[in-house]
Amino acid sequence: TLSGARLAHPYYDSRPLPNPNPVKLEGAHNSTVEGITIEDSAYHSLMMWAGYRPEEPTIVRWVKIFTWRANGDGINPGQNMRIENTFLRTQDDALYVKGVG
């Protein structure tokens, strides 16, 4: 379980956080995130950025995300992501849906 419970929300803390996202992967082609629980994140709980490559999908499965802070978002996917068997209960946006074309 990745928890942000001991971190102050960046809106209310004068100390800047280098990255308030619990999981942030850039260039996440052909990657899998599986079986983790994320709780109480201040911003996007799971960010996996990658350009569109249909032959190299990013997969998220068996992930649980619970947020109760202001602006506590769920998953901000890249352009080629498959999400399956995942539970999201968030204060703000649970999932962003993006299209190509």
PDB file of N, CA and C in Angstrom:
ATOM      1  N   THR A   1       0.839  -1.187   0.000  1.00  0.00           N
ATOM      2  CA  THR A   1       0.000   0.000   0.000  1.00  0.00           C
ATOM      3  C   THR A   1       0.876   1.239   0.000  1.00  0.00           C
ATOM      4  N   LEU A   2       0.639   2.126  -0.935  1.00  0.00           N
ATOM      5  CA  LEU A   2       1.320   3.416  -0.986  1.00  0.00           C
ATOM      6  C   LEU A   2       0.382   4.444  -0.392  1.00  0.00           C
ATOM      7  N   SER A   3       0.800   5.110   0.687  1.00  0.00           N
ATOM      8  CA  SER A   3      -0.069   6.032   1.396  1.00  0.00           C
ATOM      9  C   SER A   3       0.542   7.421   1.464  1.00  0.00           C
ATOM     10  N   GLY A   4      -0.297   8.415   1.274  1.00  0.00           N
ATOM     11  CA  GLY A   4       0.124   9.803   1.430  1.00  0.00           C
ATOM     12  C   GLY A   4      -0.374  10.405   2.722  1.00  0.00           C
ATOM     13  N   ALA A   5      -0.811   9.574   3.665  1.00  0.00           N
ATOM     14  CA  ALA A   5      -1.428  10.059   4.892  1.00  0.00           C
ATOM     15  C   ALA A   5      -0.527  10.983   5.701  1.00  0.00           C
ATOM     16  N   ARG A   6       0.765  10.791   5.654  1.00  0.00           N
ATOM     17  CA  ARG A   6       1.674  11.627   6.448  1.00  0.00           C
ATOM     18  C   ARG A   6       2.194  12.843   5.695  1.00  0.00           C
ATOM     19  N   LEU A   7       1.760  13.022   4.455  1.00  0.00           N
ATOM     20  CA  LEU A   7       2.182  14.164   3.660  1.00  0.00           C
ATOM     21  C   LEU A   7       1.092  15.222   3.653  1.00  0.00           C
ATOM     22  N   ALA A   8       1.493  16.446   3.923  1.00  0.00           N
ATOM     23  CA  ALA A   8       0.518  17.546   3.858  1.00  0.00           C
ATOM     24  C   ALA A   8       0.152  17.794   2.402  1.00  0.00           C
ATOM     25  N   HIS A   9      -1.087  18.202   2.162  1.00  0.00           N
ATOM     26  CA  HIS A   9      -1.521  18.531   0.809  1.00  0.00           C
ATOM     27  C   HIS A   9      -0.740  19.756   0.341  1.00  0.00           C
ATOM     28  N   PRO A  10      -0.220  19.755  -0.878  1.00  0.00           N
ATOM     29  CA  PRO A  10       0.571  20.899  -1.363  1.00  0.00           C
ATOM     30  C   PRO A  10      -0.167  22.234  -1.307  1.00  0.00           C
ATOM     31  N   TYR A  11      -1.482  22.226  -1.374  1.00  0.00           N
ATOM     32  CA  TYR A  11      -2.238  23.470  -1.271  1.00  0.00           C
ATOM     33  C   TYR A  11      -2.094  24.115   0.104  1.00  0.00           C
ATOM     34  N   TYR A  12      -1.860  23.310   1.128  1.00  0.00           N
ATOM     35  CA  TYR A  12      -1.877  23.800   2.502  1.00  0.00           C
ATOM     36  C   TYR A  12      -0.515  23.737   3.179  1.00  0.00           C
ATOM     37  N   ASP A  13       0.524  23.424   2.458  1.00  0.00           N
ATOM     38  CA  ASP A  13       1.856  23.289   3.030  1.00  0.00           C
ATOM     39  C   ASP A  13       2.799  24.201   2.264  1.00  0.00           C
ATOM     40  N   SER A  14       3.588  24.989   2.965  1.00  0.00           N
ATOM     41  CA  SER A  14       4.491  25.923   2.305  1.00  0.00           C
ATOM     42  C   SER A  14       5.742  25.231   1.750  1.00  0.00           C
ATOM     43  N   ARG A  15       6.021  24.024   2.205  1.00  0.00           N
ATOM     44  CA  ARG A  15       7.181  23.295   1.701  1.00  0.00           C
ATOM     45  C   ARG A  15       6.819  22.629   0.371  1.00  0.00           C
ATOM     46  N   PRO A  16       7.533  22.937  -0.700  1.00  0.00           N
ATOM     47  CA  PRO A  16       7.174  22.319  -1.992  1.00  0.00           C
ATOM     48  C   PRO A  16       7.566  20.839  -2.021  1.00  0.00           C
ATOM     49  N   LEU A  17       6.688  20.049  -2.583  1.00  0.00           N
ATOM     50  CA  LEU A  17       6.983  18.635  -2.781  1.00  0.00           C
ATOM     51  C   LEU A  17       7.560  18.450  -4.182  1.00  0.00           C
ATOM     52  N   PRO A  18       8.599  17.636  -4.328  1.00  0.00           N
ATOM     53  CA  PRO A  18       9.163  17.437  -5.666  1.00  0.00           C
ATOM     54  C   PRO A  18       8.202  16.731  -6.609  1.00  0.00           C
ATOM     55  N   ASN A  19       7.410  15.799  -6.106  1.00  0.00           N
ATOM     56  CA  ASN A  19       6.452  15.059  -6.927  1.00  0.00           C
ATOM     57  C   ASN A  19       5.360  14.514  -6.005  1.00  0.00           C
ATOM     58  N   PRO A  20       4.203  15.160  -5.964  1.00  0.00           N
ATOM     59  CA  PRO A  20       3.158  14.684  -5.059  1.00  0.00           C
ATOM     60  C   PRO A  20       2.386  13.468  -5.569  1.00  0.00           C
ATOM     61  N   ASN A  21       2.762  12.932  -6.736  1.00  0.00           N
ATOM     62  CA  ASN A  21       2.085  11.757  -7.276  1.00  0.00           C
ATOM     63  C   ASN A  21       2.752  10.495  -6.739  1.00  0.00           C
ATOM     64  N   PRO A  22       1.989   9.562  -6.154  1.00  0.00           N
ATOM     65  CA  PRO A  22       2.600   8.329  -5.648  1.00  0.00           C
ATOM     66  C   PRO A  22       3.296   7.512  -6.729  1.00  0.00           C
ATOM     67  N   VAL A  23       2.665   7.388  -7.917  1.00  0.00           N
ATOM     68  CA  VAL A  23       3.276   6.621  -9.010  1.00  0.00           C
ATOM     69  C   VAL A  23       3.196   7.471 -10.271  1.00  0.00           C
ATOM     70  N   LYS A  24       4.358   7.805 -10.809  1.00  0.00           N
ATOM     71  CA  LYS A  24       4.410   8.590 -12.053  1.00  0.00           C
ATOM     72  C   LYS A  24       5.479   7.979 -12.944  1.00  0.00           C
ATOM     73  N   LEU A  25       5.046   7.421 -14.064  1.00  0.00           N
ATOM     74  CA  LEU A  25       5.956   6.799 -15.021  1.00  0.00           C
ATOM     75  C   LEU A  25       5.863   7.556 -16.340  1.00  0.00           C
ATOM     76  N   GLU A  26       6.982   8.008 -16.839  1.00  0.00           N
ATOM     77  CA  GLU A  26       7.013   8.677 -18.132  1.00  0.00           C
ATOM     78  C   GLU A  26       7.688   7.759 -19.140  1.00  0.00           C
ATOM     79  N   GLY A  27       7.153   7.722 -20.349  1.00  0.00           N
ATOM     80  CA  GLY A  27       7.665   6.788 -21.357  1.00  0.00           C
ATOM     81  C   GLY A  27       7.298   5.357 -20.999  1.00  0.00           C
ATOM     82  N   ALA A  28       6.086   5.164 -20.526  1.00  0.00           N
ATOM     83  CA  ALA A  28       5.652   3.876 -19.974  1.00  0.00           C
ATOM     84  C   ALA A  28       5.148   2.915 -21.035  1.00  0.00           C
ATOM     85  N   HIS A  29       5.878   2.768 -22.113  1.00  0.00           N
ATOM     86  CA  HIS A  29       5.490   1.823 -23.154  1.00  0.00           C
ATOM     87  C   HIS A  29       5.712   0.395 -22.669  1.00  0.00           C
ATOM     88  N   ASN A  30       4.767  -0.480 -22.998  1.00  0.00           N
ATOM     89  CA  ASN A  30       4.918  -1.905 -22.708  1.00  0.00           C
ATOM     90  C   ASN A  30       5.184  -2.163 -21.222  1.00  0.00           C
ATOM     91  N   SER A  31       4.453  -1.444 -20.357  1.00  0.00           N
ATOM     92  CA  SER A  31       4.622  -1.550 -18.903  1.00  0.00           C
ATOM     93  C   SER A  31       3.364  -2.111 -18.266  1.00  0.00           C
ATOM     94  N   THR A  32       3.514  -2.692 -17.078  1.00  0.00           N
ATOM     95  CA  THR A  32       2.374  -3.209 -16.327  1.00  0.00           C
ATOM     96  C   THR A  32       2.471  -2.749 -14.877  1.00  0.00           C
ATOM     97  N   VAL A  33       1.366  -2.242 -14.356  1.00  0.00           N
ATOM     98  CA  VAL A  33       1.230  -1.959 -12.923  1.00  0.00           C
ATOM     99  C   VAL A  33       0.150  -2.897 -12.432  1.00  0.00           C
ATOM    100  N   GLU A  34       0.468  -3.683 -11.415  1.00  0.00           N
ATOM    101  CA  GLU A  34      -0.449  -4.752 -11.012  1.00  0.00           C
ATOM    102  C   GLU A  34      -0.431  -4.940  -9.496  1.00  0.00           C
ATOM    103  N   GLY A  35      -1.634  -5.060  -8.927  1.00  0.00           N
ATOM    104  CA  GLY A  35      -1.787  -5.515  -7.554  1.00  0.00           C
ATOM    105  C   GLY A  35      -1.382  -4.542  -6.472  1.00  0.00           C
ATOM    106  N   ILE A  36      -1.398  -3.233  -6.727  1.00  0.00           N
ATOM    107  CA  ILE A  36      -1.042  -2.284  -5.680  1.00  0.00           C
ATOM    108  C   ILE A  36      -2.278  -1.546  -5.189  1.00  0.00           C
ATOM    109  N   THR A  37      -2.181  -0.977  -4.003  1.00  0.00           N
ATOM    110  CA  THR A  37      -3.217  -0.119  -3.440  1.00  0.00           C
ATOM    111  C   THR A  37      -2.592   1.239  -3.165  1.00  0.00           C
ATOM    112  N   ILE A  38      -3.265   2.295  -3.623  1.00  0.00           N
ATOM    113  CA  ILE A  38      -2.811   3.663  -3.390  1.00  0.00           C
ATOM    114  C   ILE A  38      -3.899   4.368  -2.604  1.00  0.00           C
ATOM    115  N   GLU A  39      -3.494   5.058  -1.532  1.00  0.00           N
ATOM    116  CA  GLU A  39      -4.500   5.757  -0.731  1.00  0.00           C
ATOM    117  C   GLU A  39      -4.040   7.169  -0.409  1.00  0.00           C
ATOM    118  N   ASP A  40      -5.029   8.069  -0.355  1.00  0.00           N
ATOM    119  CA  ASP A  40      -4.861   9.426   0.160  1.00  0.00           C
ATOM    120  C   ASP A  40      -3.810  10.241  -0.573  1.00  0.00           C
ATOM    121  N   SER A  41      -3.770  10.172  -1.888  1.00  0.00           N
ATOM    122  CA  SER A  41      -2.819  10.997  -2.632  1.00  0.00           C
ATOM    123  C   SER A  41      -3.385  12.391  -2.838  1.00  0.00           C
ATOM    124  N   ALA A  42      -2.493  13.358  -2.990  1.00  0.00           N
ATOM    125  CA  ALA A  42      -2.916  14.749  -3.121  1.00  0.00           C
ATOM    126  C   ALA A  42      -3.357  15.097  -4.543  1.00  0.00           C
ATOM    127  N   TYR A  43      -2.751  14.507  -5.527  1.00  0.00           N
ATOM    128  CA  TYR A  43      -3.102  14.774  -6.913  1.00  0.00           C
ATOM    129  C   TYR A  43      -3.402  13.453  -7.614  1.00  0.00           C
ATOM    130  N   HIS A  44      -2.908  13.271  -8.833  1.00  0.00           N
ATOM    131  CA  HIS A  44      -3.142  12.020  -9.556  1.00  0.00           C
ATOM    132  C   HIS A  44      -2.427  10.882  -8.848  1.00  0.00           C
ATOM    133  N   SER A  45      -3.160   9.840  -8.561  1.00  0.00           N
ATOM    134  CA  SER A  45      -2.575   8.694  -7.858  1.00  0.00           C
ATOM    135  C   SER A  45      -1.651   7.888  -8.754  1.00  0.00           C
ATOM    136  N   LEU A  46      -2.055   7.698  -9.999  1.00  0.00           N
ATOM    137  CA  LEU A  46      -1.277   6.886 -10.933  1.00  0.00           C
ATOM    138  C   LEU A  46      -1.209   7.610 -12.272  1.00  0.00           C
ATOM    139  N   MET A  47      -0.010   8.014 -12.662  1.00  0.00           N
ATOM    140  CA  MET A  47       0.200   8.680 -13.950  1.00  0.00           C
ATOM    141  C   MET A  47       1.165   7.842 -14.769  1.00  0.00           C
ATOM    142  N   MET A  48       0.741   7.470 -15.966  1.00  0.00           N
ATOM    143  CA  MET A  48       1.590   6.672 -16.849  1.00  0.00           C
ATOM    144  C   MET A  48       1.531   7.305 -18.228  1.00  0.00           C
ATOM    145  N   TRP A  49       2.510   8.120 -18.508  1.00  0.00           N
ATOM    146  CA  TRP A  49       2.534   8.863 -19.761  1.00  0.00           C
ATOM    147  C   TRP A  49       3.364   8.142 -20.804  1.00  0.00           C
ATOM    148  N   ALA A  50       2.776   8.012 -21.974  1.00  0.00           N
ATOM    149  CA  ALA A  50       3.477   7.432 -23.115  1.00  0.00           C
ATOM    150  C   ALA A  50       2.722   7.820 -24.380  1.00  0.00           C
ATOM    151  N   GLY A  51       3.434   7.965 -25.444  1.00  0.00           N
ATOM    152  CA  GLY A  51       2.799   8.240 -26.731  1.00  0.00           C
ATOM    153  C   GLY A  51       2.067   7.011 -27.246  1.00  0.00           C
ATOM    154  N   TYR A  52       1.337   7.197 -28.317  1.00  0.00           N
ATOM    155  CA  TYR A  52       0.518   6.105 -28.859  1.00  0.00           C
ATOM    156  C   TYR A  52       1.363   5.142 -29.672  1.00  0.00           C
ATOM    157  N   ARG A  53       1.500   3.928 -29.169  1.00  0.00           N
ATOM    158  CA  ARG A  53       2.142   2.820 -29.893  1.00  0.00           C
ATOM    159  C   ARG A  53       1.252   1.595 -29.688  1.00  0.00           C
ATOM    160  N   PRO A  54       0.412   1.268 -30.655  1.00  0.00           N
ATOM    161  CA  PRO A  54      -0.548   0.174 -30.473  1.00  0.00           C
ATOM    162  C   PRO A  54       0.099  -1.167 -30.159  1.00  0.00           C
ATOM    163  N   GLU A  55       1.318  -1.376 -30.606  1.00  0.00           N
ATOM    164  CA  GLU A  55       1.981  -2.663 -30.370  1.00  0.00           C
ATOM    165  C   GLU A  55       2.622  -2.747 -28.983  1.00  0.00           C
ATOM    166  N   GLU A  56       2.632  -1.639 -28.216  1.00  0.00           N
ATOM    167  CA  GLU A  56       3.244  -1.620 -26.882  1.00  0.00           C
ATOM    168  C   GLU A  56       2.280  -1.027 -25.853  1.00  0.00           C
ATOM    169  N   PRO A  57       1.215  -1.732 -25.517  1.00  0.00           N
ATOM    170  CA  PRO A  57       0.241  -1.169 -24.580  1.00  0.00           C
ATOM    171  C   PRO A  57       0.770  -1.119 -23.144  1.00  0.00           C
ATOM    172  N   THR A  58       0.202  -0.215 -22.376  1.00  0.00           N
ATOM    173  CA  THR A  58       0.446  -0.138 -20.944  1.00  0.00           C
ATOM    174  C   THR A  58      -0.756  -0.766 -20.260  1.00  0.00           C
ATOM    175  N   ILE A  59      -0.525  -1.610 -19.263  1.00  0.00           N
ATOM    176  CA  ILE A  59      -1.606  -2.363 -18.628  1.00  0.00           C
ATOM    177  C   ILE A  59      -1.663  -2.029 -17.139  1.00  0.00           C
ATOM    178  N   VAL A  60      -2.864  -1.770 -16.660  1.00  0.00           N
ATOM    179  CA  VAL A  60      -3.118  -1.583 -15.230  1.00  0.00           C
ATOM    180  C   VAL A  60      -4.166  -2.604 -14.835  1.00  0.00           C
ATOM    181  N   ARG A  61      -3.833  -3.472 -13.870  1.00  0.00           N
ATOM    182  CA  ARG A  61      -4.818  -4.473 -13.443  1.00  0.00           C
ATOM    183  C   ARG A  61      -4.670  -4.728 -11.951  1.00  0.00           C
ATOM    184  N   TRP A  62      -5.785  -5.078 -11.359  1.00  0.00           N
ATOM    185  CA  TRP A  62      -5.855  -5.403  -9.931  1.00  0.00           C
ATOM    186  C   TRP A  62      -5.283  -4.275  -9.064  1.00  0.00           C
ATOM    187  N   VAL A  63      -5.628  -3.046  -9.419  1.00  0.00           N
ATOM    188  CA  VAL A  63      -5.178  -1.869  -8.672  1.00  0.00           C
ATOM    189  C   VAL A  63      -6.377  -1.289  -7.928  1.00  0.00           C
ATOM    190  N   LYS A  64      -6.143  -0.851  -6.686  1.00  0.00           N
ATOM    191  CA  LYS A  64      -7.170  -0.176  -5.894  1.00  0.00           C
ATOM    192  C   LYS A  64      -6.669   1.214  -5.535  1.00  0.00           C
ATOM    193  N   ILE A  65      -7.527   2.219  -5.763  1.00  0.00           N
ATOM    194  CA  ILE A  65      -7.166   3.595  -5.441  1.00  0.00           C
ATOM    195  C   ILE A  65      -8.287   4.210  -4.613  1.00  0.00           C
ATOM    196  N   PHE A  66      -7.912   4.739  -3.451  1.00  0.00           N
ATOM    197  CA  PHE A  66      -8.848   5.427  -2.551  1.00  0.00           C
ATOM    198  C   PHE A  66      -8.266   6.808  -2.251  1.00  0.00           C
ATOM    199  N   THR A  67      -8.996   7.875  -2.554  1.00  0.00           N
ATOM    200  CA  THR A  67      -8.545   9.217  -2.178  1.00  0.00           C
ATOM    201  C   THR A  67      -9.695   9.952  -1.523  1.00  0.00           C
ATOM    202  N   TRP A  68      -9.371  10.747  -0.517  1.00  0.00           N
ATOM    203  CA  TRP A  68     -10.406  11.541   0.152  1.00  0.00           C
ATOM    204  C   TRP A  68      -9.951  12.980   0.347  1.00  0.00           C
ATOM    205  N   ARG A  69      -8.812  13.360  -0.209  1.00  0.00           N
ATOM    206  CA  ARG A  69      -8.355  14.746  -0.156  1.00  0.00           C
ATOM    207  C   ARG A  69      -8.965  15.534  -1.311  1.00  0.00           C
ATOM    208  N   ALA A  70      -8.979  16.858  -1.154  1.00  0.00           N
ATOM    209  CA  ALA A  70      -9.397  17.719  -2.265  1.00  0.00           C
ATOM    210  C   ALA A  70      -8.457  17.486  -3.441  1.00  0.00           C
ATOM    211  N   ASN A  71      -8.991  17.399  -4.616  1.00  0.00           N
ATOM    212  CA  ASN A  71      -8.241  17.165  -5.848  1.00  0.00           C
ATOM    213  C   ASN A  71      -7.537  15.805  -5.853  1.00  0.00           C
ATOM    214  N   GLY A  72      -8.048  14.843  -5.129  1.00  0.00           N
ATOM    215  CA  GLY A  72      -7.477  13.500  -5.137  1.00  0.00           C
ATOM    216  C   GLY A  72      -7.980  12.725  -6.342  1.00  0.00           C
ATOM    217  N   ASP A  73      -7.157  12.648  -7.378  1.00  0.00           N
ATOM    218  CA  ASP A  73      -7.546  11.989  -8.623  1.00  0.00           C
ATOM    219  C   ASP A  73      -7.090  10.539  -8.649  1.00  0.00           C
ATOM    220  N   GLY A  74      -7.663   9.773  -9.563  1.00  0.00           N
ATOM    221  CA  GLY A  74      -7.314   8.372  -9.726  1.00  0.00           C
ATOM    222  C   GLY A  74      -6.220   8.165 -10.752  1.00  0.00           C
ATOM    223  N   ILE A  75      -6.600   7.727 -11.962  1.00  0.00           N
ATOM    224  CA  ILE A  75      -5.633   7.373 -12.999  1.00  0.00           C
ATOM    225  C   ILE A  75      -5.651   8.409 -14.115  1.00  0.00           C
ATOM    226  N   ASN A  76      -4.460   8.889 -14.462  1.00  0.00           N
ATOM    227  CA  ASN A  76      -4.276   9.751 -15.623  1.00  0.00           C
ATOM    228  C   ASN A  76      -3.464   8.937 -16.625  1.00  0.00           C
ATOM    229  N   PRO A  77      -4.145   8.294 -17.572  1.00  0.00           N
ATOM    230  CA  PRO A  77      -3.457   7.339 -18.445  1.00  0.00           C
ATOM    231  C   PRO A  77      -2.710   8.004 -19.592  1.00  0.00           C
ATOM    232  N   GLY A  78      -1.820   7.237 -20.174  1.00  0.00           N
ATOM    233  CA  GLY A  78      -1.186   7.637 -21.420  1.00  0.00           C
ATOM    234  C   GLY A  78      -2.157   7.375 -22.561  1.00  0.00           C
ATOM    235  N   GLN A  79      -1.663   7.310 -23.757  1.00  0.00           N
ATOM    236  CA  GLN A  79      -2.535   7.199 -24.917  1.00  0.00           C
ATOM    237  C   GLN A  79      -2.835   5.777 -25.347  1.00  0.00           C
ATOM    238  N   ASN A  80      -2.241   4.797 -24.737  1.00  0.00           N
ATOM    239  CA  ASN A  80      -2.491   3.411 -25.125  1.00  0.00           C
ATOM    240  C   ASN A  80      -2.476   2.546 -23.868  1.00  0.00           C
ATOM    241  N   MET A  81      -3.535   2.643 -23.079  1.00  0.00           N
ATOM    242  CA  MET A  81      -3.580   1.952 -21.797  1.00  0.00           C
ATOM    243  C   MET A  81      -4.819   1.070 -21.706  1.00  0.00           C
ATOM    244  N   ARG A  82      -4.617  -0.127 -21.177  1.00  0.00           N
ATOM    245  CA  ARG A  82      -5.733  -1.032 -20.883  1.00  0.00           C
ATOM    246  C   ARG A  82      -5.848  -1.117 -19.361  1.00  0.00           C
ATOM    247  N   ILE A  83      -7.052  -0.828 -18.858  1.00  0.00           N
ATOM    248  CA  ILE A  83      -7.315  -0.869 -17.421  1.00  0.00           C
ATOM    249  C   ILE A  83      -8.351  -1.954 -17.184  1.00  0.00           C
ATOM    250  N   GLU A  84      -8.027  -2.903 -16.317  1.00  0.00           N
ATOM    251  CA  GLU A  84      -8.954  -4.010 -16.068  1.00  0.00           C
ATOM    252  C   GLU A  84      -8.916  -4.415 -14.603  1.00  0.00           C
ATOM    253  N   ASN A  85     -10.066  -4.877 -14.114  1.00  0.00           N
ATOM    254  CA  ASN A  85     -10.193  -5.382 -12.744  1.00  0.00           C
ATOM    255  C   ASN A  85      -9.619  -4.403 -11.720  1.00  0.00           C
ATOM    256  N   THR A  86     -10.021  -3.148 -11.832  1.00  0.00           N
ATOM    257  CA  THR A  86      -9.494  -2.079 -10.995  1.00  0.00           C
ATOM    258  C   THR A  86     -10.632  -1.370 -10.280  1.00  0.00           C
ATOM    259  N   PHE A  87     -10.389  -0.979  -9.014  1.00  0.00           N
ATOM    260  CA  PHE A  87     -11.391  -0.276  -8.209  1.00  0.00           C
ATOM    261  C   PHE A  87     -10.895   1.135  -7.929  1.00  0.00           C
ATOM    262  N   LEU A  88     -11.728   2.142  -8.240  1.00  0.00           N
ATOM    263  CA  LEU A  88     -11.382   3.544  -8.014  1.00  0.00           C
ATOM    264  C   LEU A  88     -12.476   4.207  -7.179  1.00  0.00           C
ATOM    265  N   ARG A  89     -12.105   4.784  -6.044  1.00  0.00           N
ATOM    266  CA  ARG A  89     -13.011   5.604  -5.246  1.00  0.00           C
ATOM    267  C   ARG A  89     -12.248   6.862  -4.908  1.00  0.00           C
ATOM    268  N   THR A  90     -12.563   7.956  -5.615  1.00  0.00           N
ATOM    269  CA  THR A  90     -11.764   9.170  -5.495  1.00  0.00           C
ATOM    270  C   THR A  90     -12.618  10.373  -5.122  1.00  0.00           C
ATOM    271  N   GLN A  91     -11.950  11.399  -4.596  1.00  0.00           N
ATOM    272  CA  GLN A  91     -12.623  12.649  -4.239  1.00  0.00           C
ATOM    273  C   GLN A  91     -12.885  13.489  -5.485  1.00  0.00           C
ATOM    274  N   ASP A  92     -12.023  13.373  -6.471  1.00  0.00           N
ATOM    275  CA  ASP A  92     -12.141  14.189  -7.676  1.00  0.00           C
ATOM    276  C   ASP A  92     -12.292  13.251  -8.881  1.00  0.00           C
ATOM    277  N   ASP A  93     -11.545  13.458  -9.924  1.00  0.00           N
ATOM    278  CA  ASP A  93     -11.664  12.661 -11.146  1.00  0.00           C
ATOM    279  C   ASP A  93     -11.108  11.262 -10.927  1.00  0.00           C
ATOM    280  N   ALA A  94     -11.918  10.249 -11.169  1.00  0.00           N
ATOM    281  CA  ALA A  94     -11.459   8.866 -11.003  1.00  0.00           C
ATOM    282  C   ALA A  94     -10.558   8.448 -12.162  1.00  0.00           C
ATOM    283  N   LEU A  95     -10.952   8.798 -13.385  1.00  0.00           N
ATOM    284  CA  LEU A  95     -10.230   8.339 -14.563  1.00  0.00           C
ATOM    285  C   LEU A  95     -10.412   9.352 -15.677  1.00  0.00           C
ATOM    286  N   TYR A  96      -9.349   9.652 -16.367  1.00  0.00           N
ATOM    287  CA  TYR A  96      -9.409  10.503 -17.552  1.00  0.00           C
ATOM    288  C   TYR A  96      -9.505   9.606 -18.770  1.00  0.00           C
ATOM    289  N   VAL A  97     -10.403   9.935 -19.680  1.00  0.00           N
ATOM    290  CA  VAL A  97     -10.544   9.164 -20.912  1.00  0.00           C
ATOM    291  C   VAL A  97      -9.976  10.011 -22.045  1.00  0.00           C
ATOM    292  N   LYS A  98      -9.022   9.448 -22.766  1.00  0.00           N
ATOM    293  CA  LYS A  98      -8.349  10.189 -23.830  1.00  0.00           C
ATOM    294  C   LYS A  98      -8.506   9.428 -25.137  1.00  0.00           C
ATOM    295  N   GLY A  99      -8.519  10.162 -26.227  1.00  0.00           N
ATOM    296  CA  GLY A  99      -8.636   9.541 -27.538  1.00  0.00           C
ATOM    297  C   GLY A  99      -7.479   9.924 -28.435  1.00  0.00           C
ATOM    298  N   VAL A 100      -7.286   9.169 -29.459  1.00  0.00           N
ATOM    299  CA  VAL A 100      -6.255   9.452 -30.448  1.00  0.00           C
ATOM    300  C   VAL A 100      -6.940   9.678 -31.778  1.00  0.00           C
ATOM    301  N   GLY A 101      -6.565  10.748 -32.437  1.00  0.00           N
ATOM    302  CA  GLY A 101      -7.130  10.978 -33.762  1.00  0.00           C
ATOM    303  C   GLY A 101      -7.848  12.264 -33.909  1.00  0.00           C
TER     304      GLY A 101
END
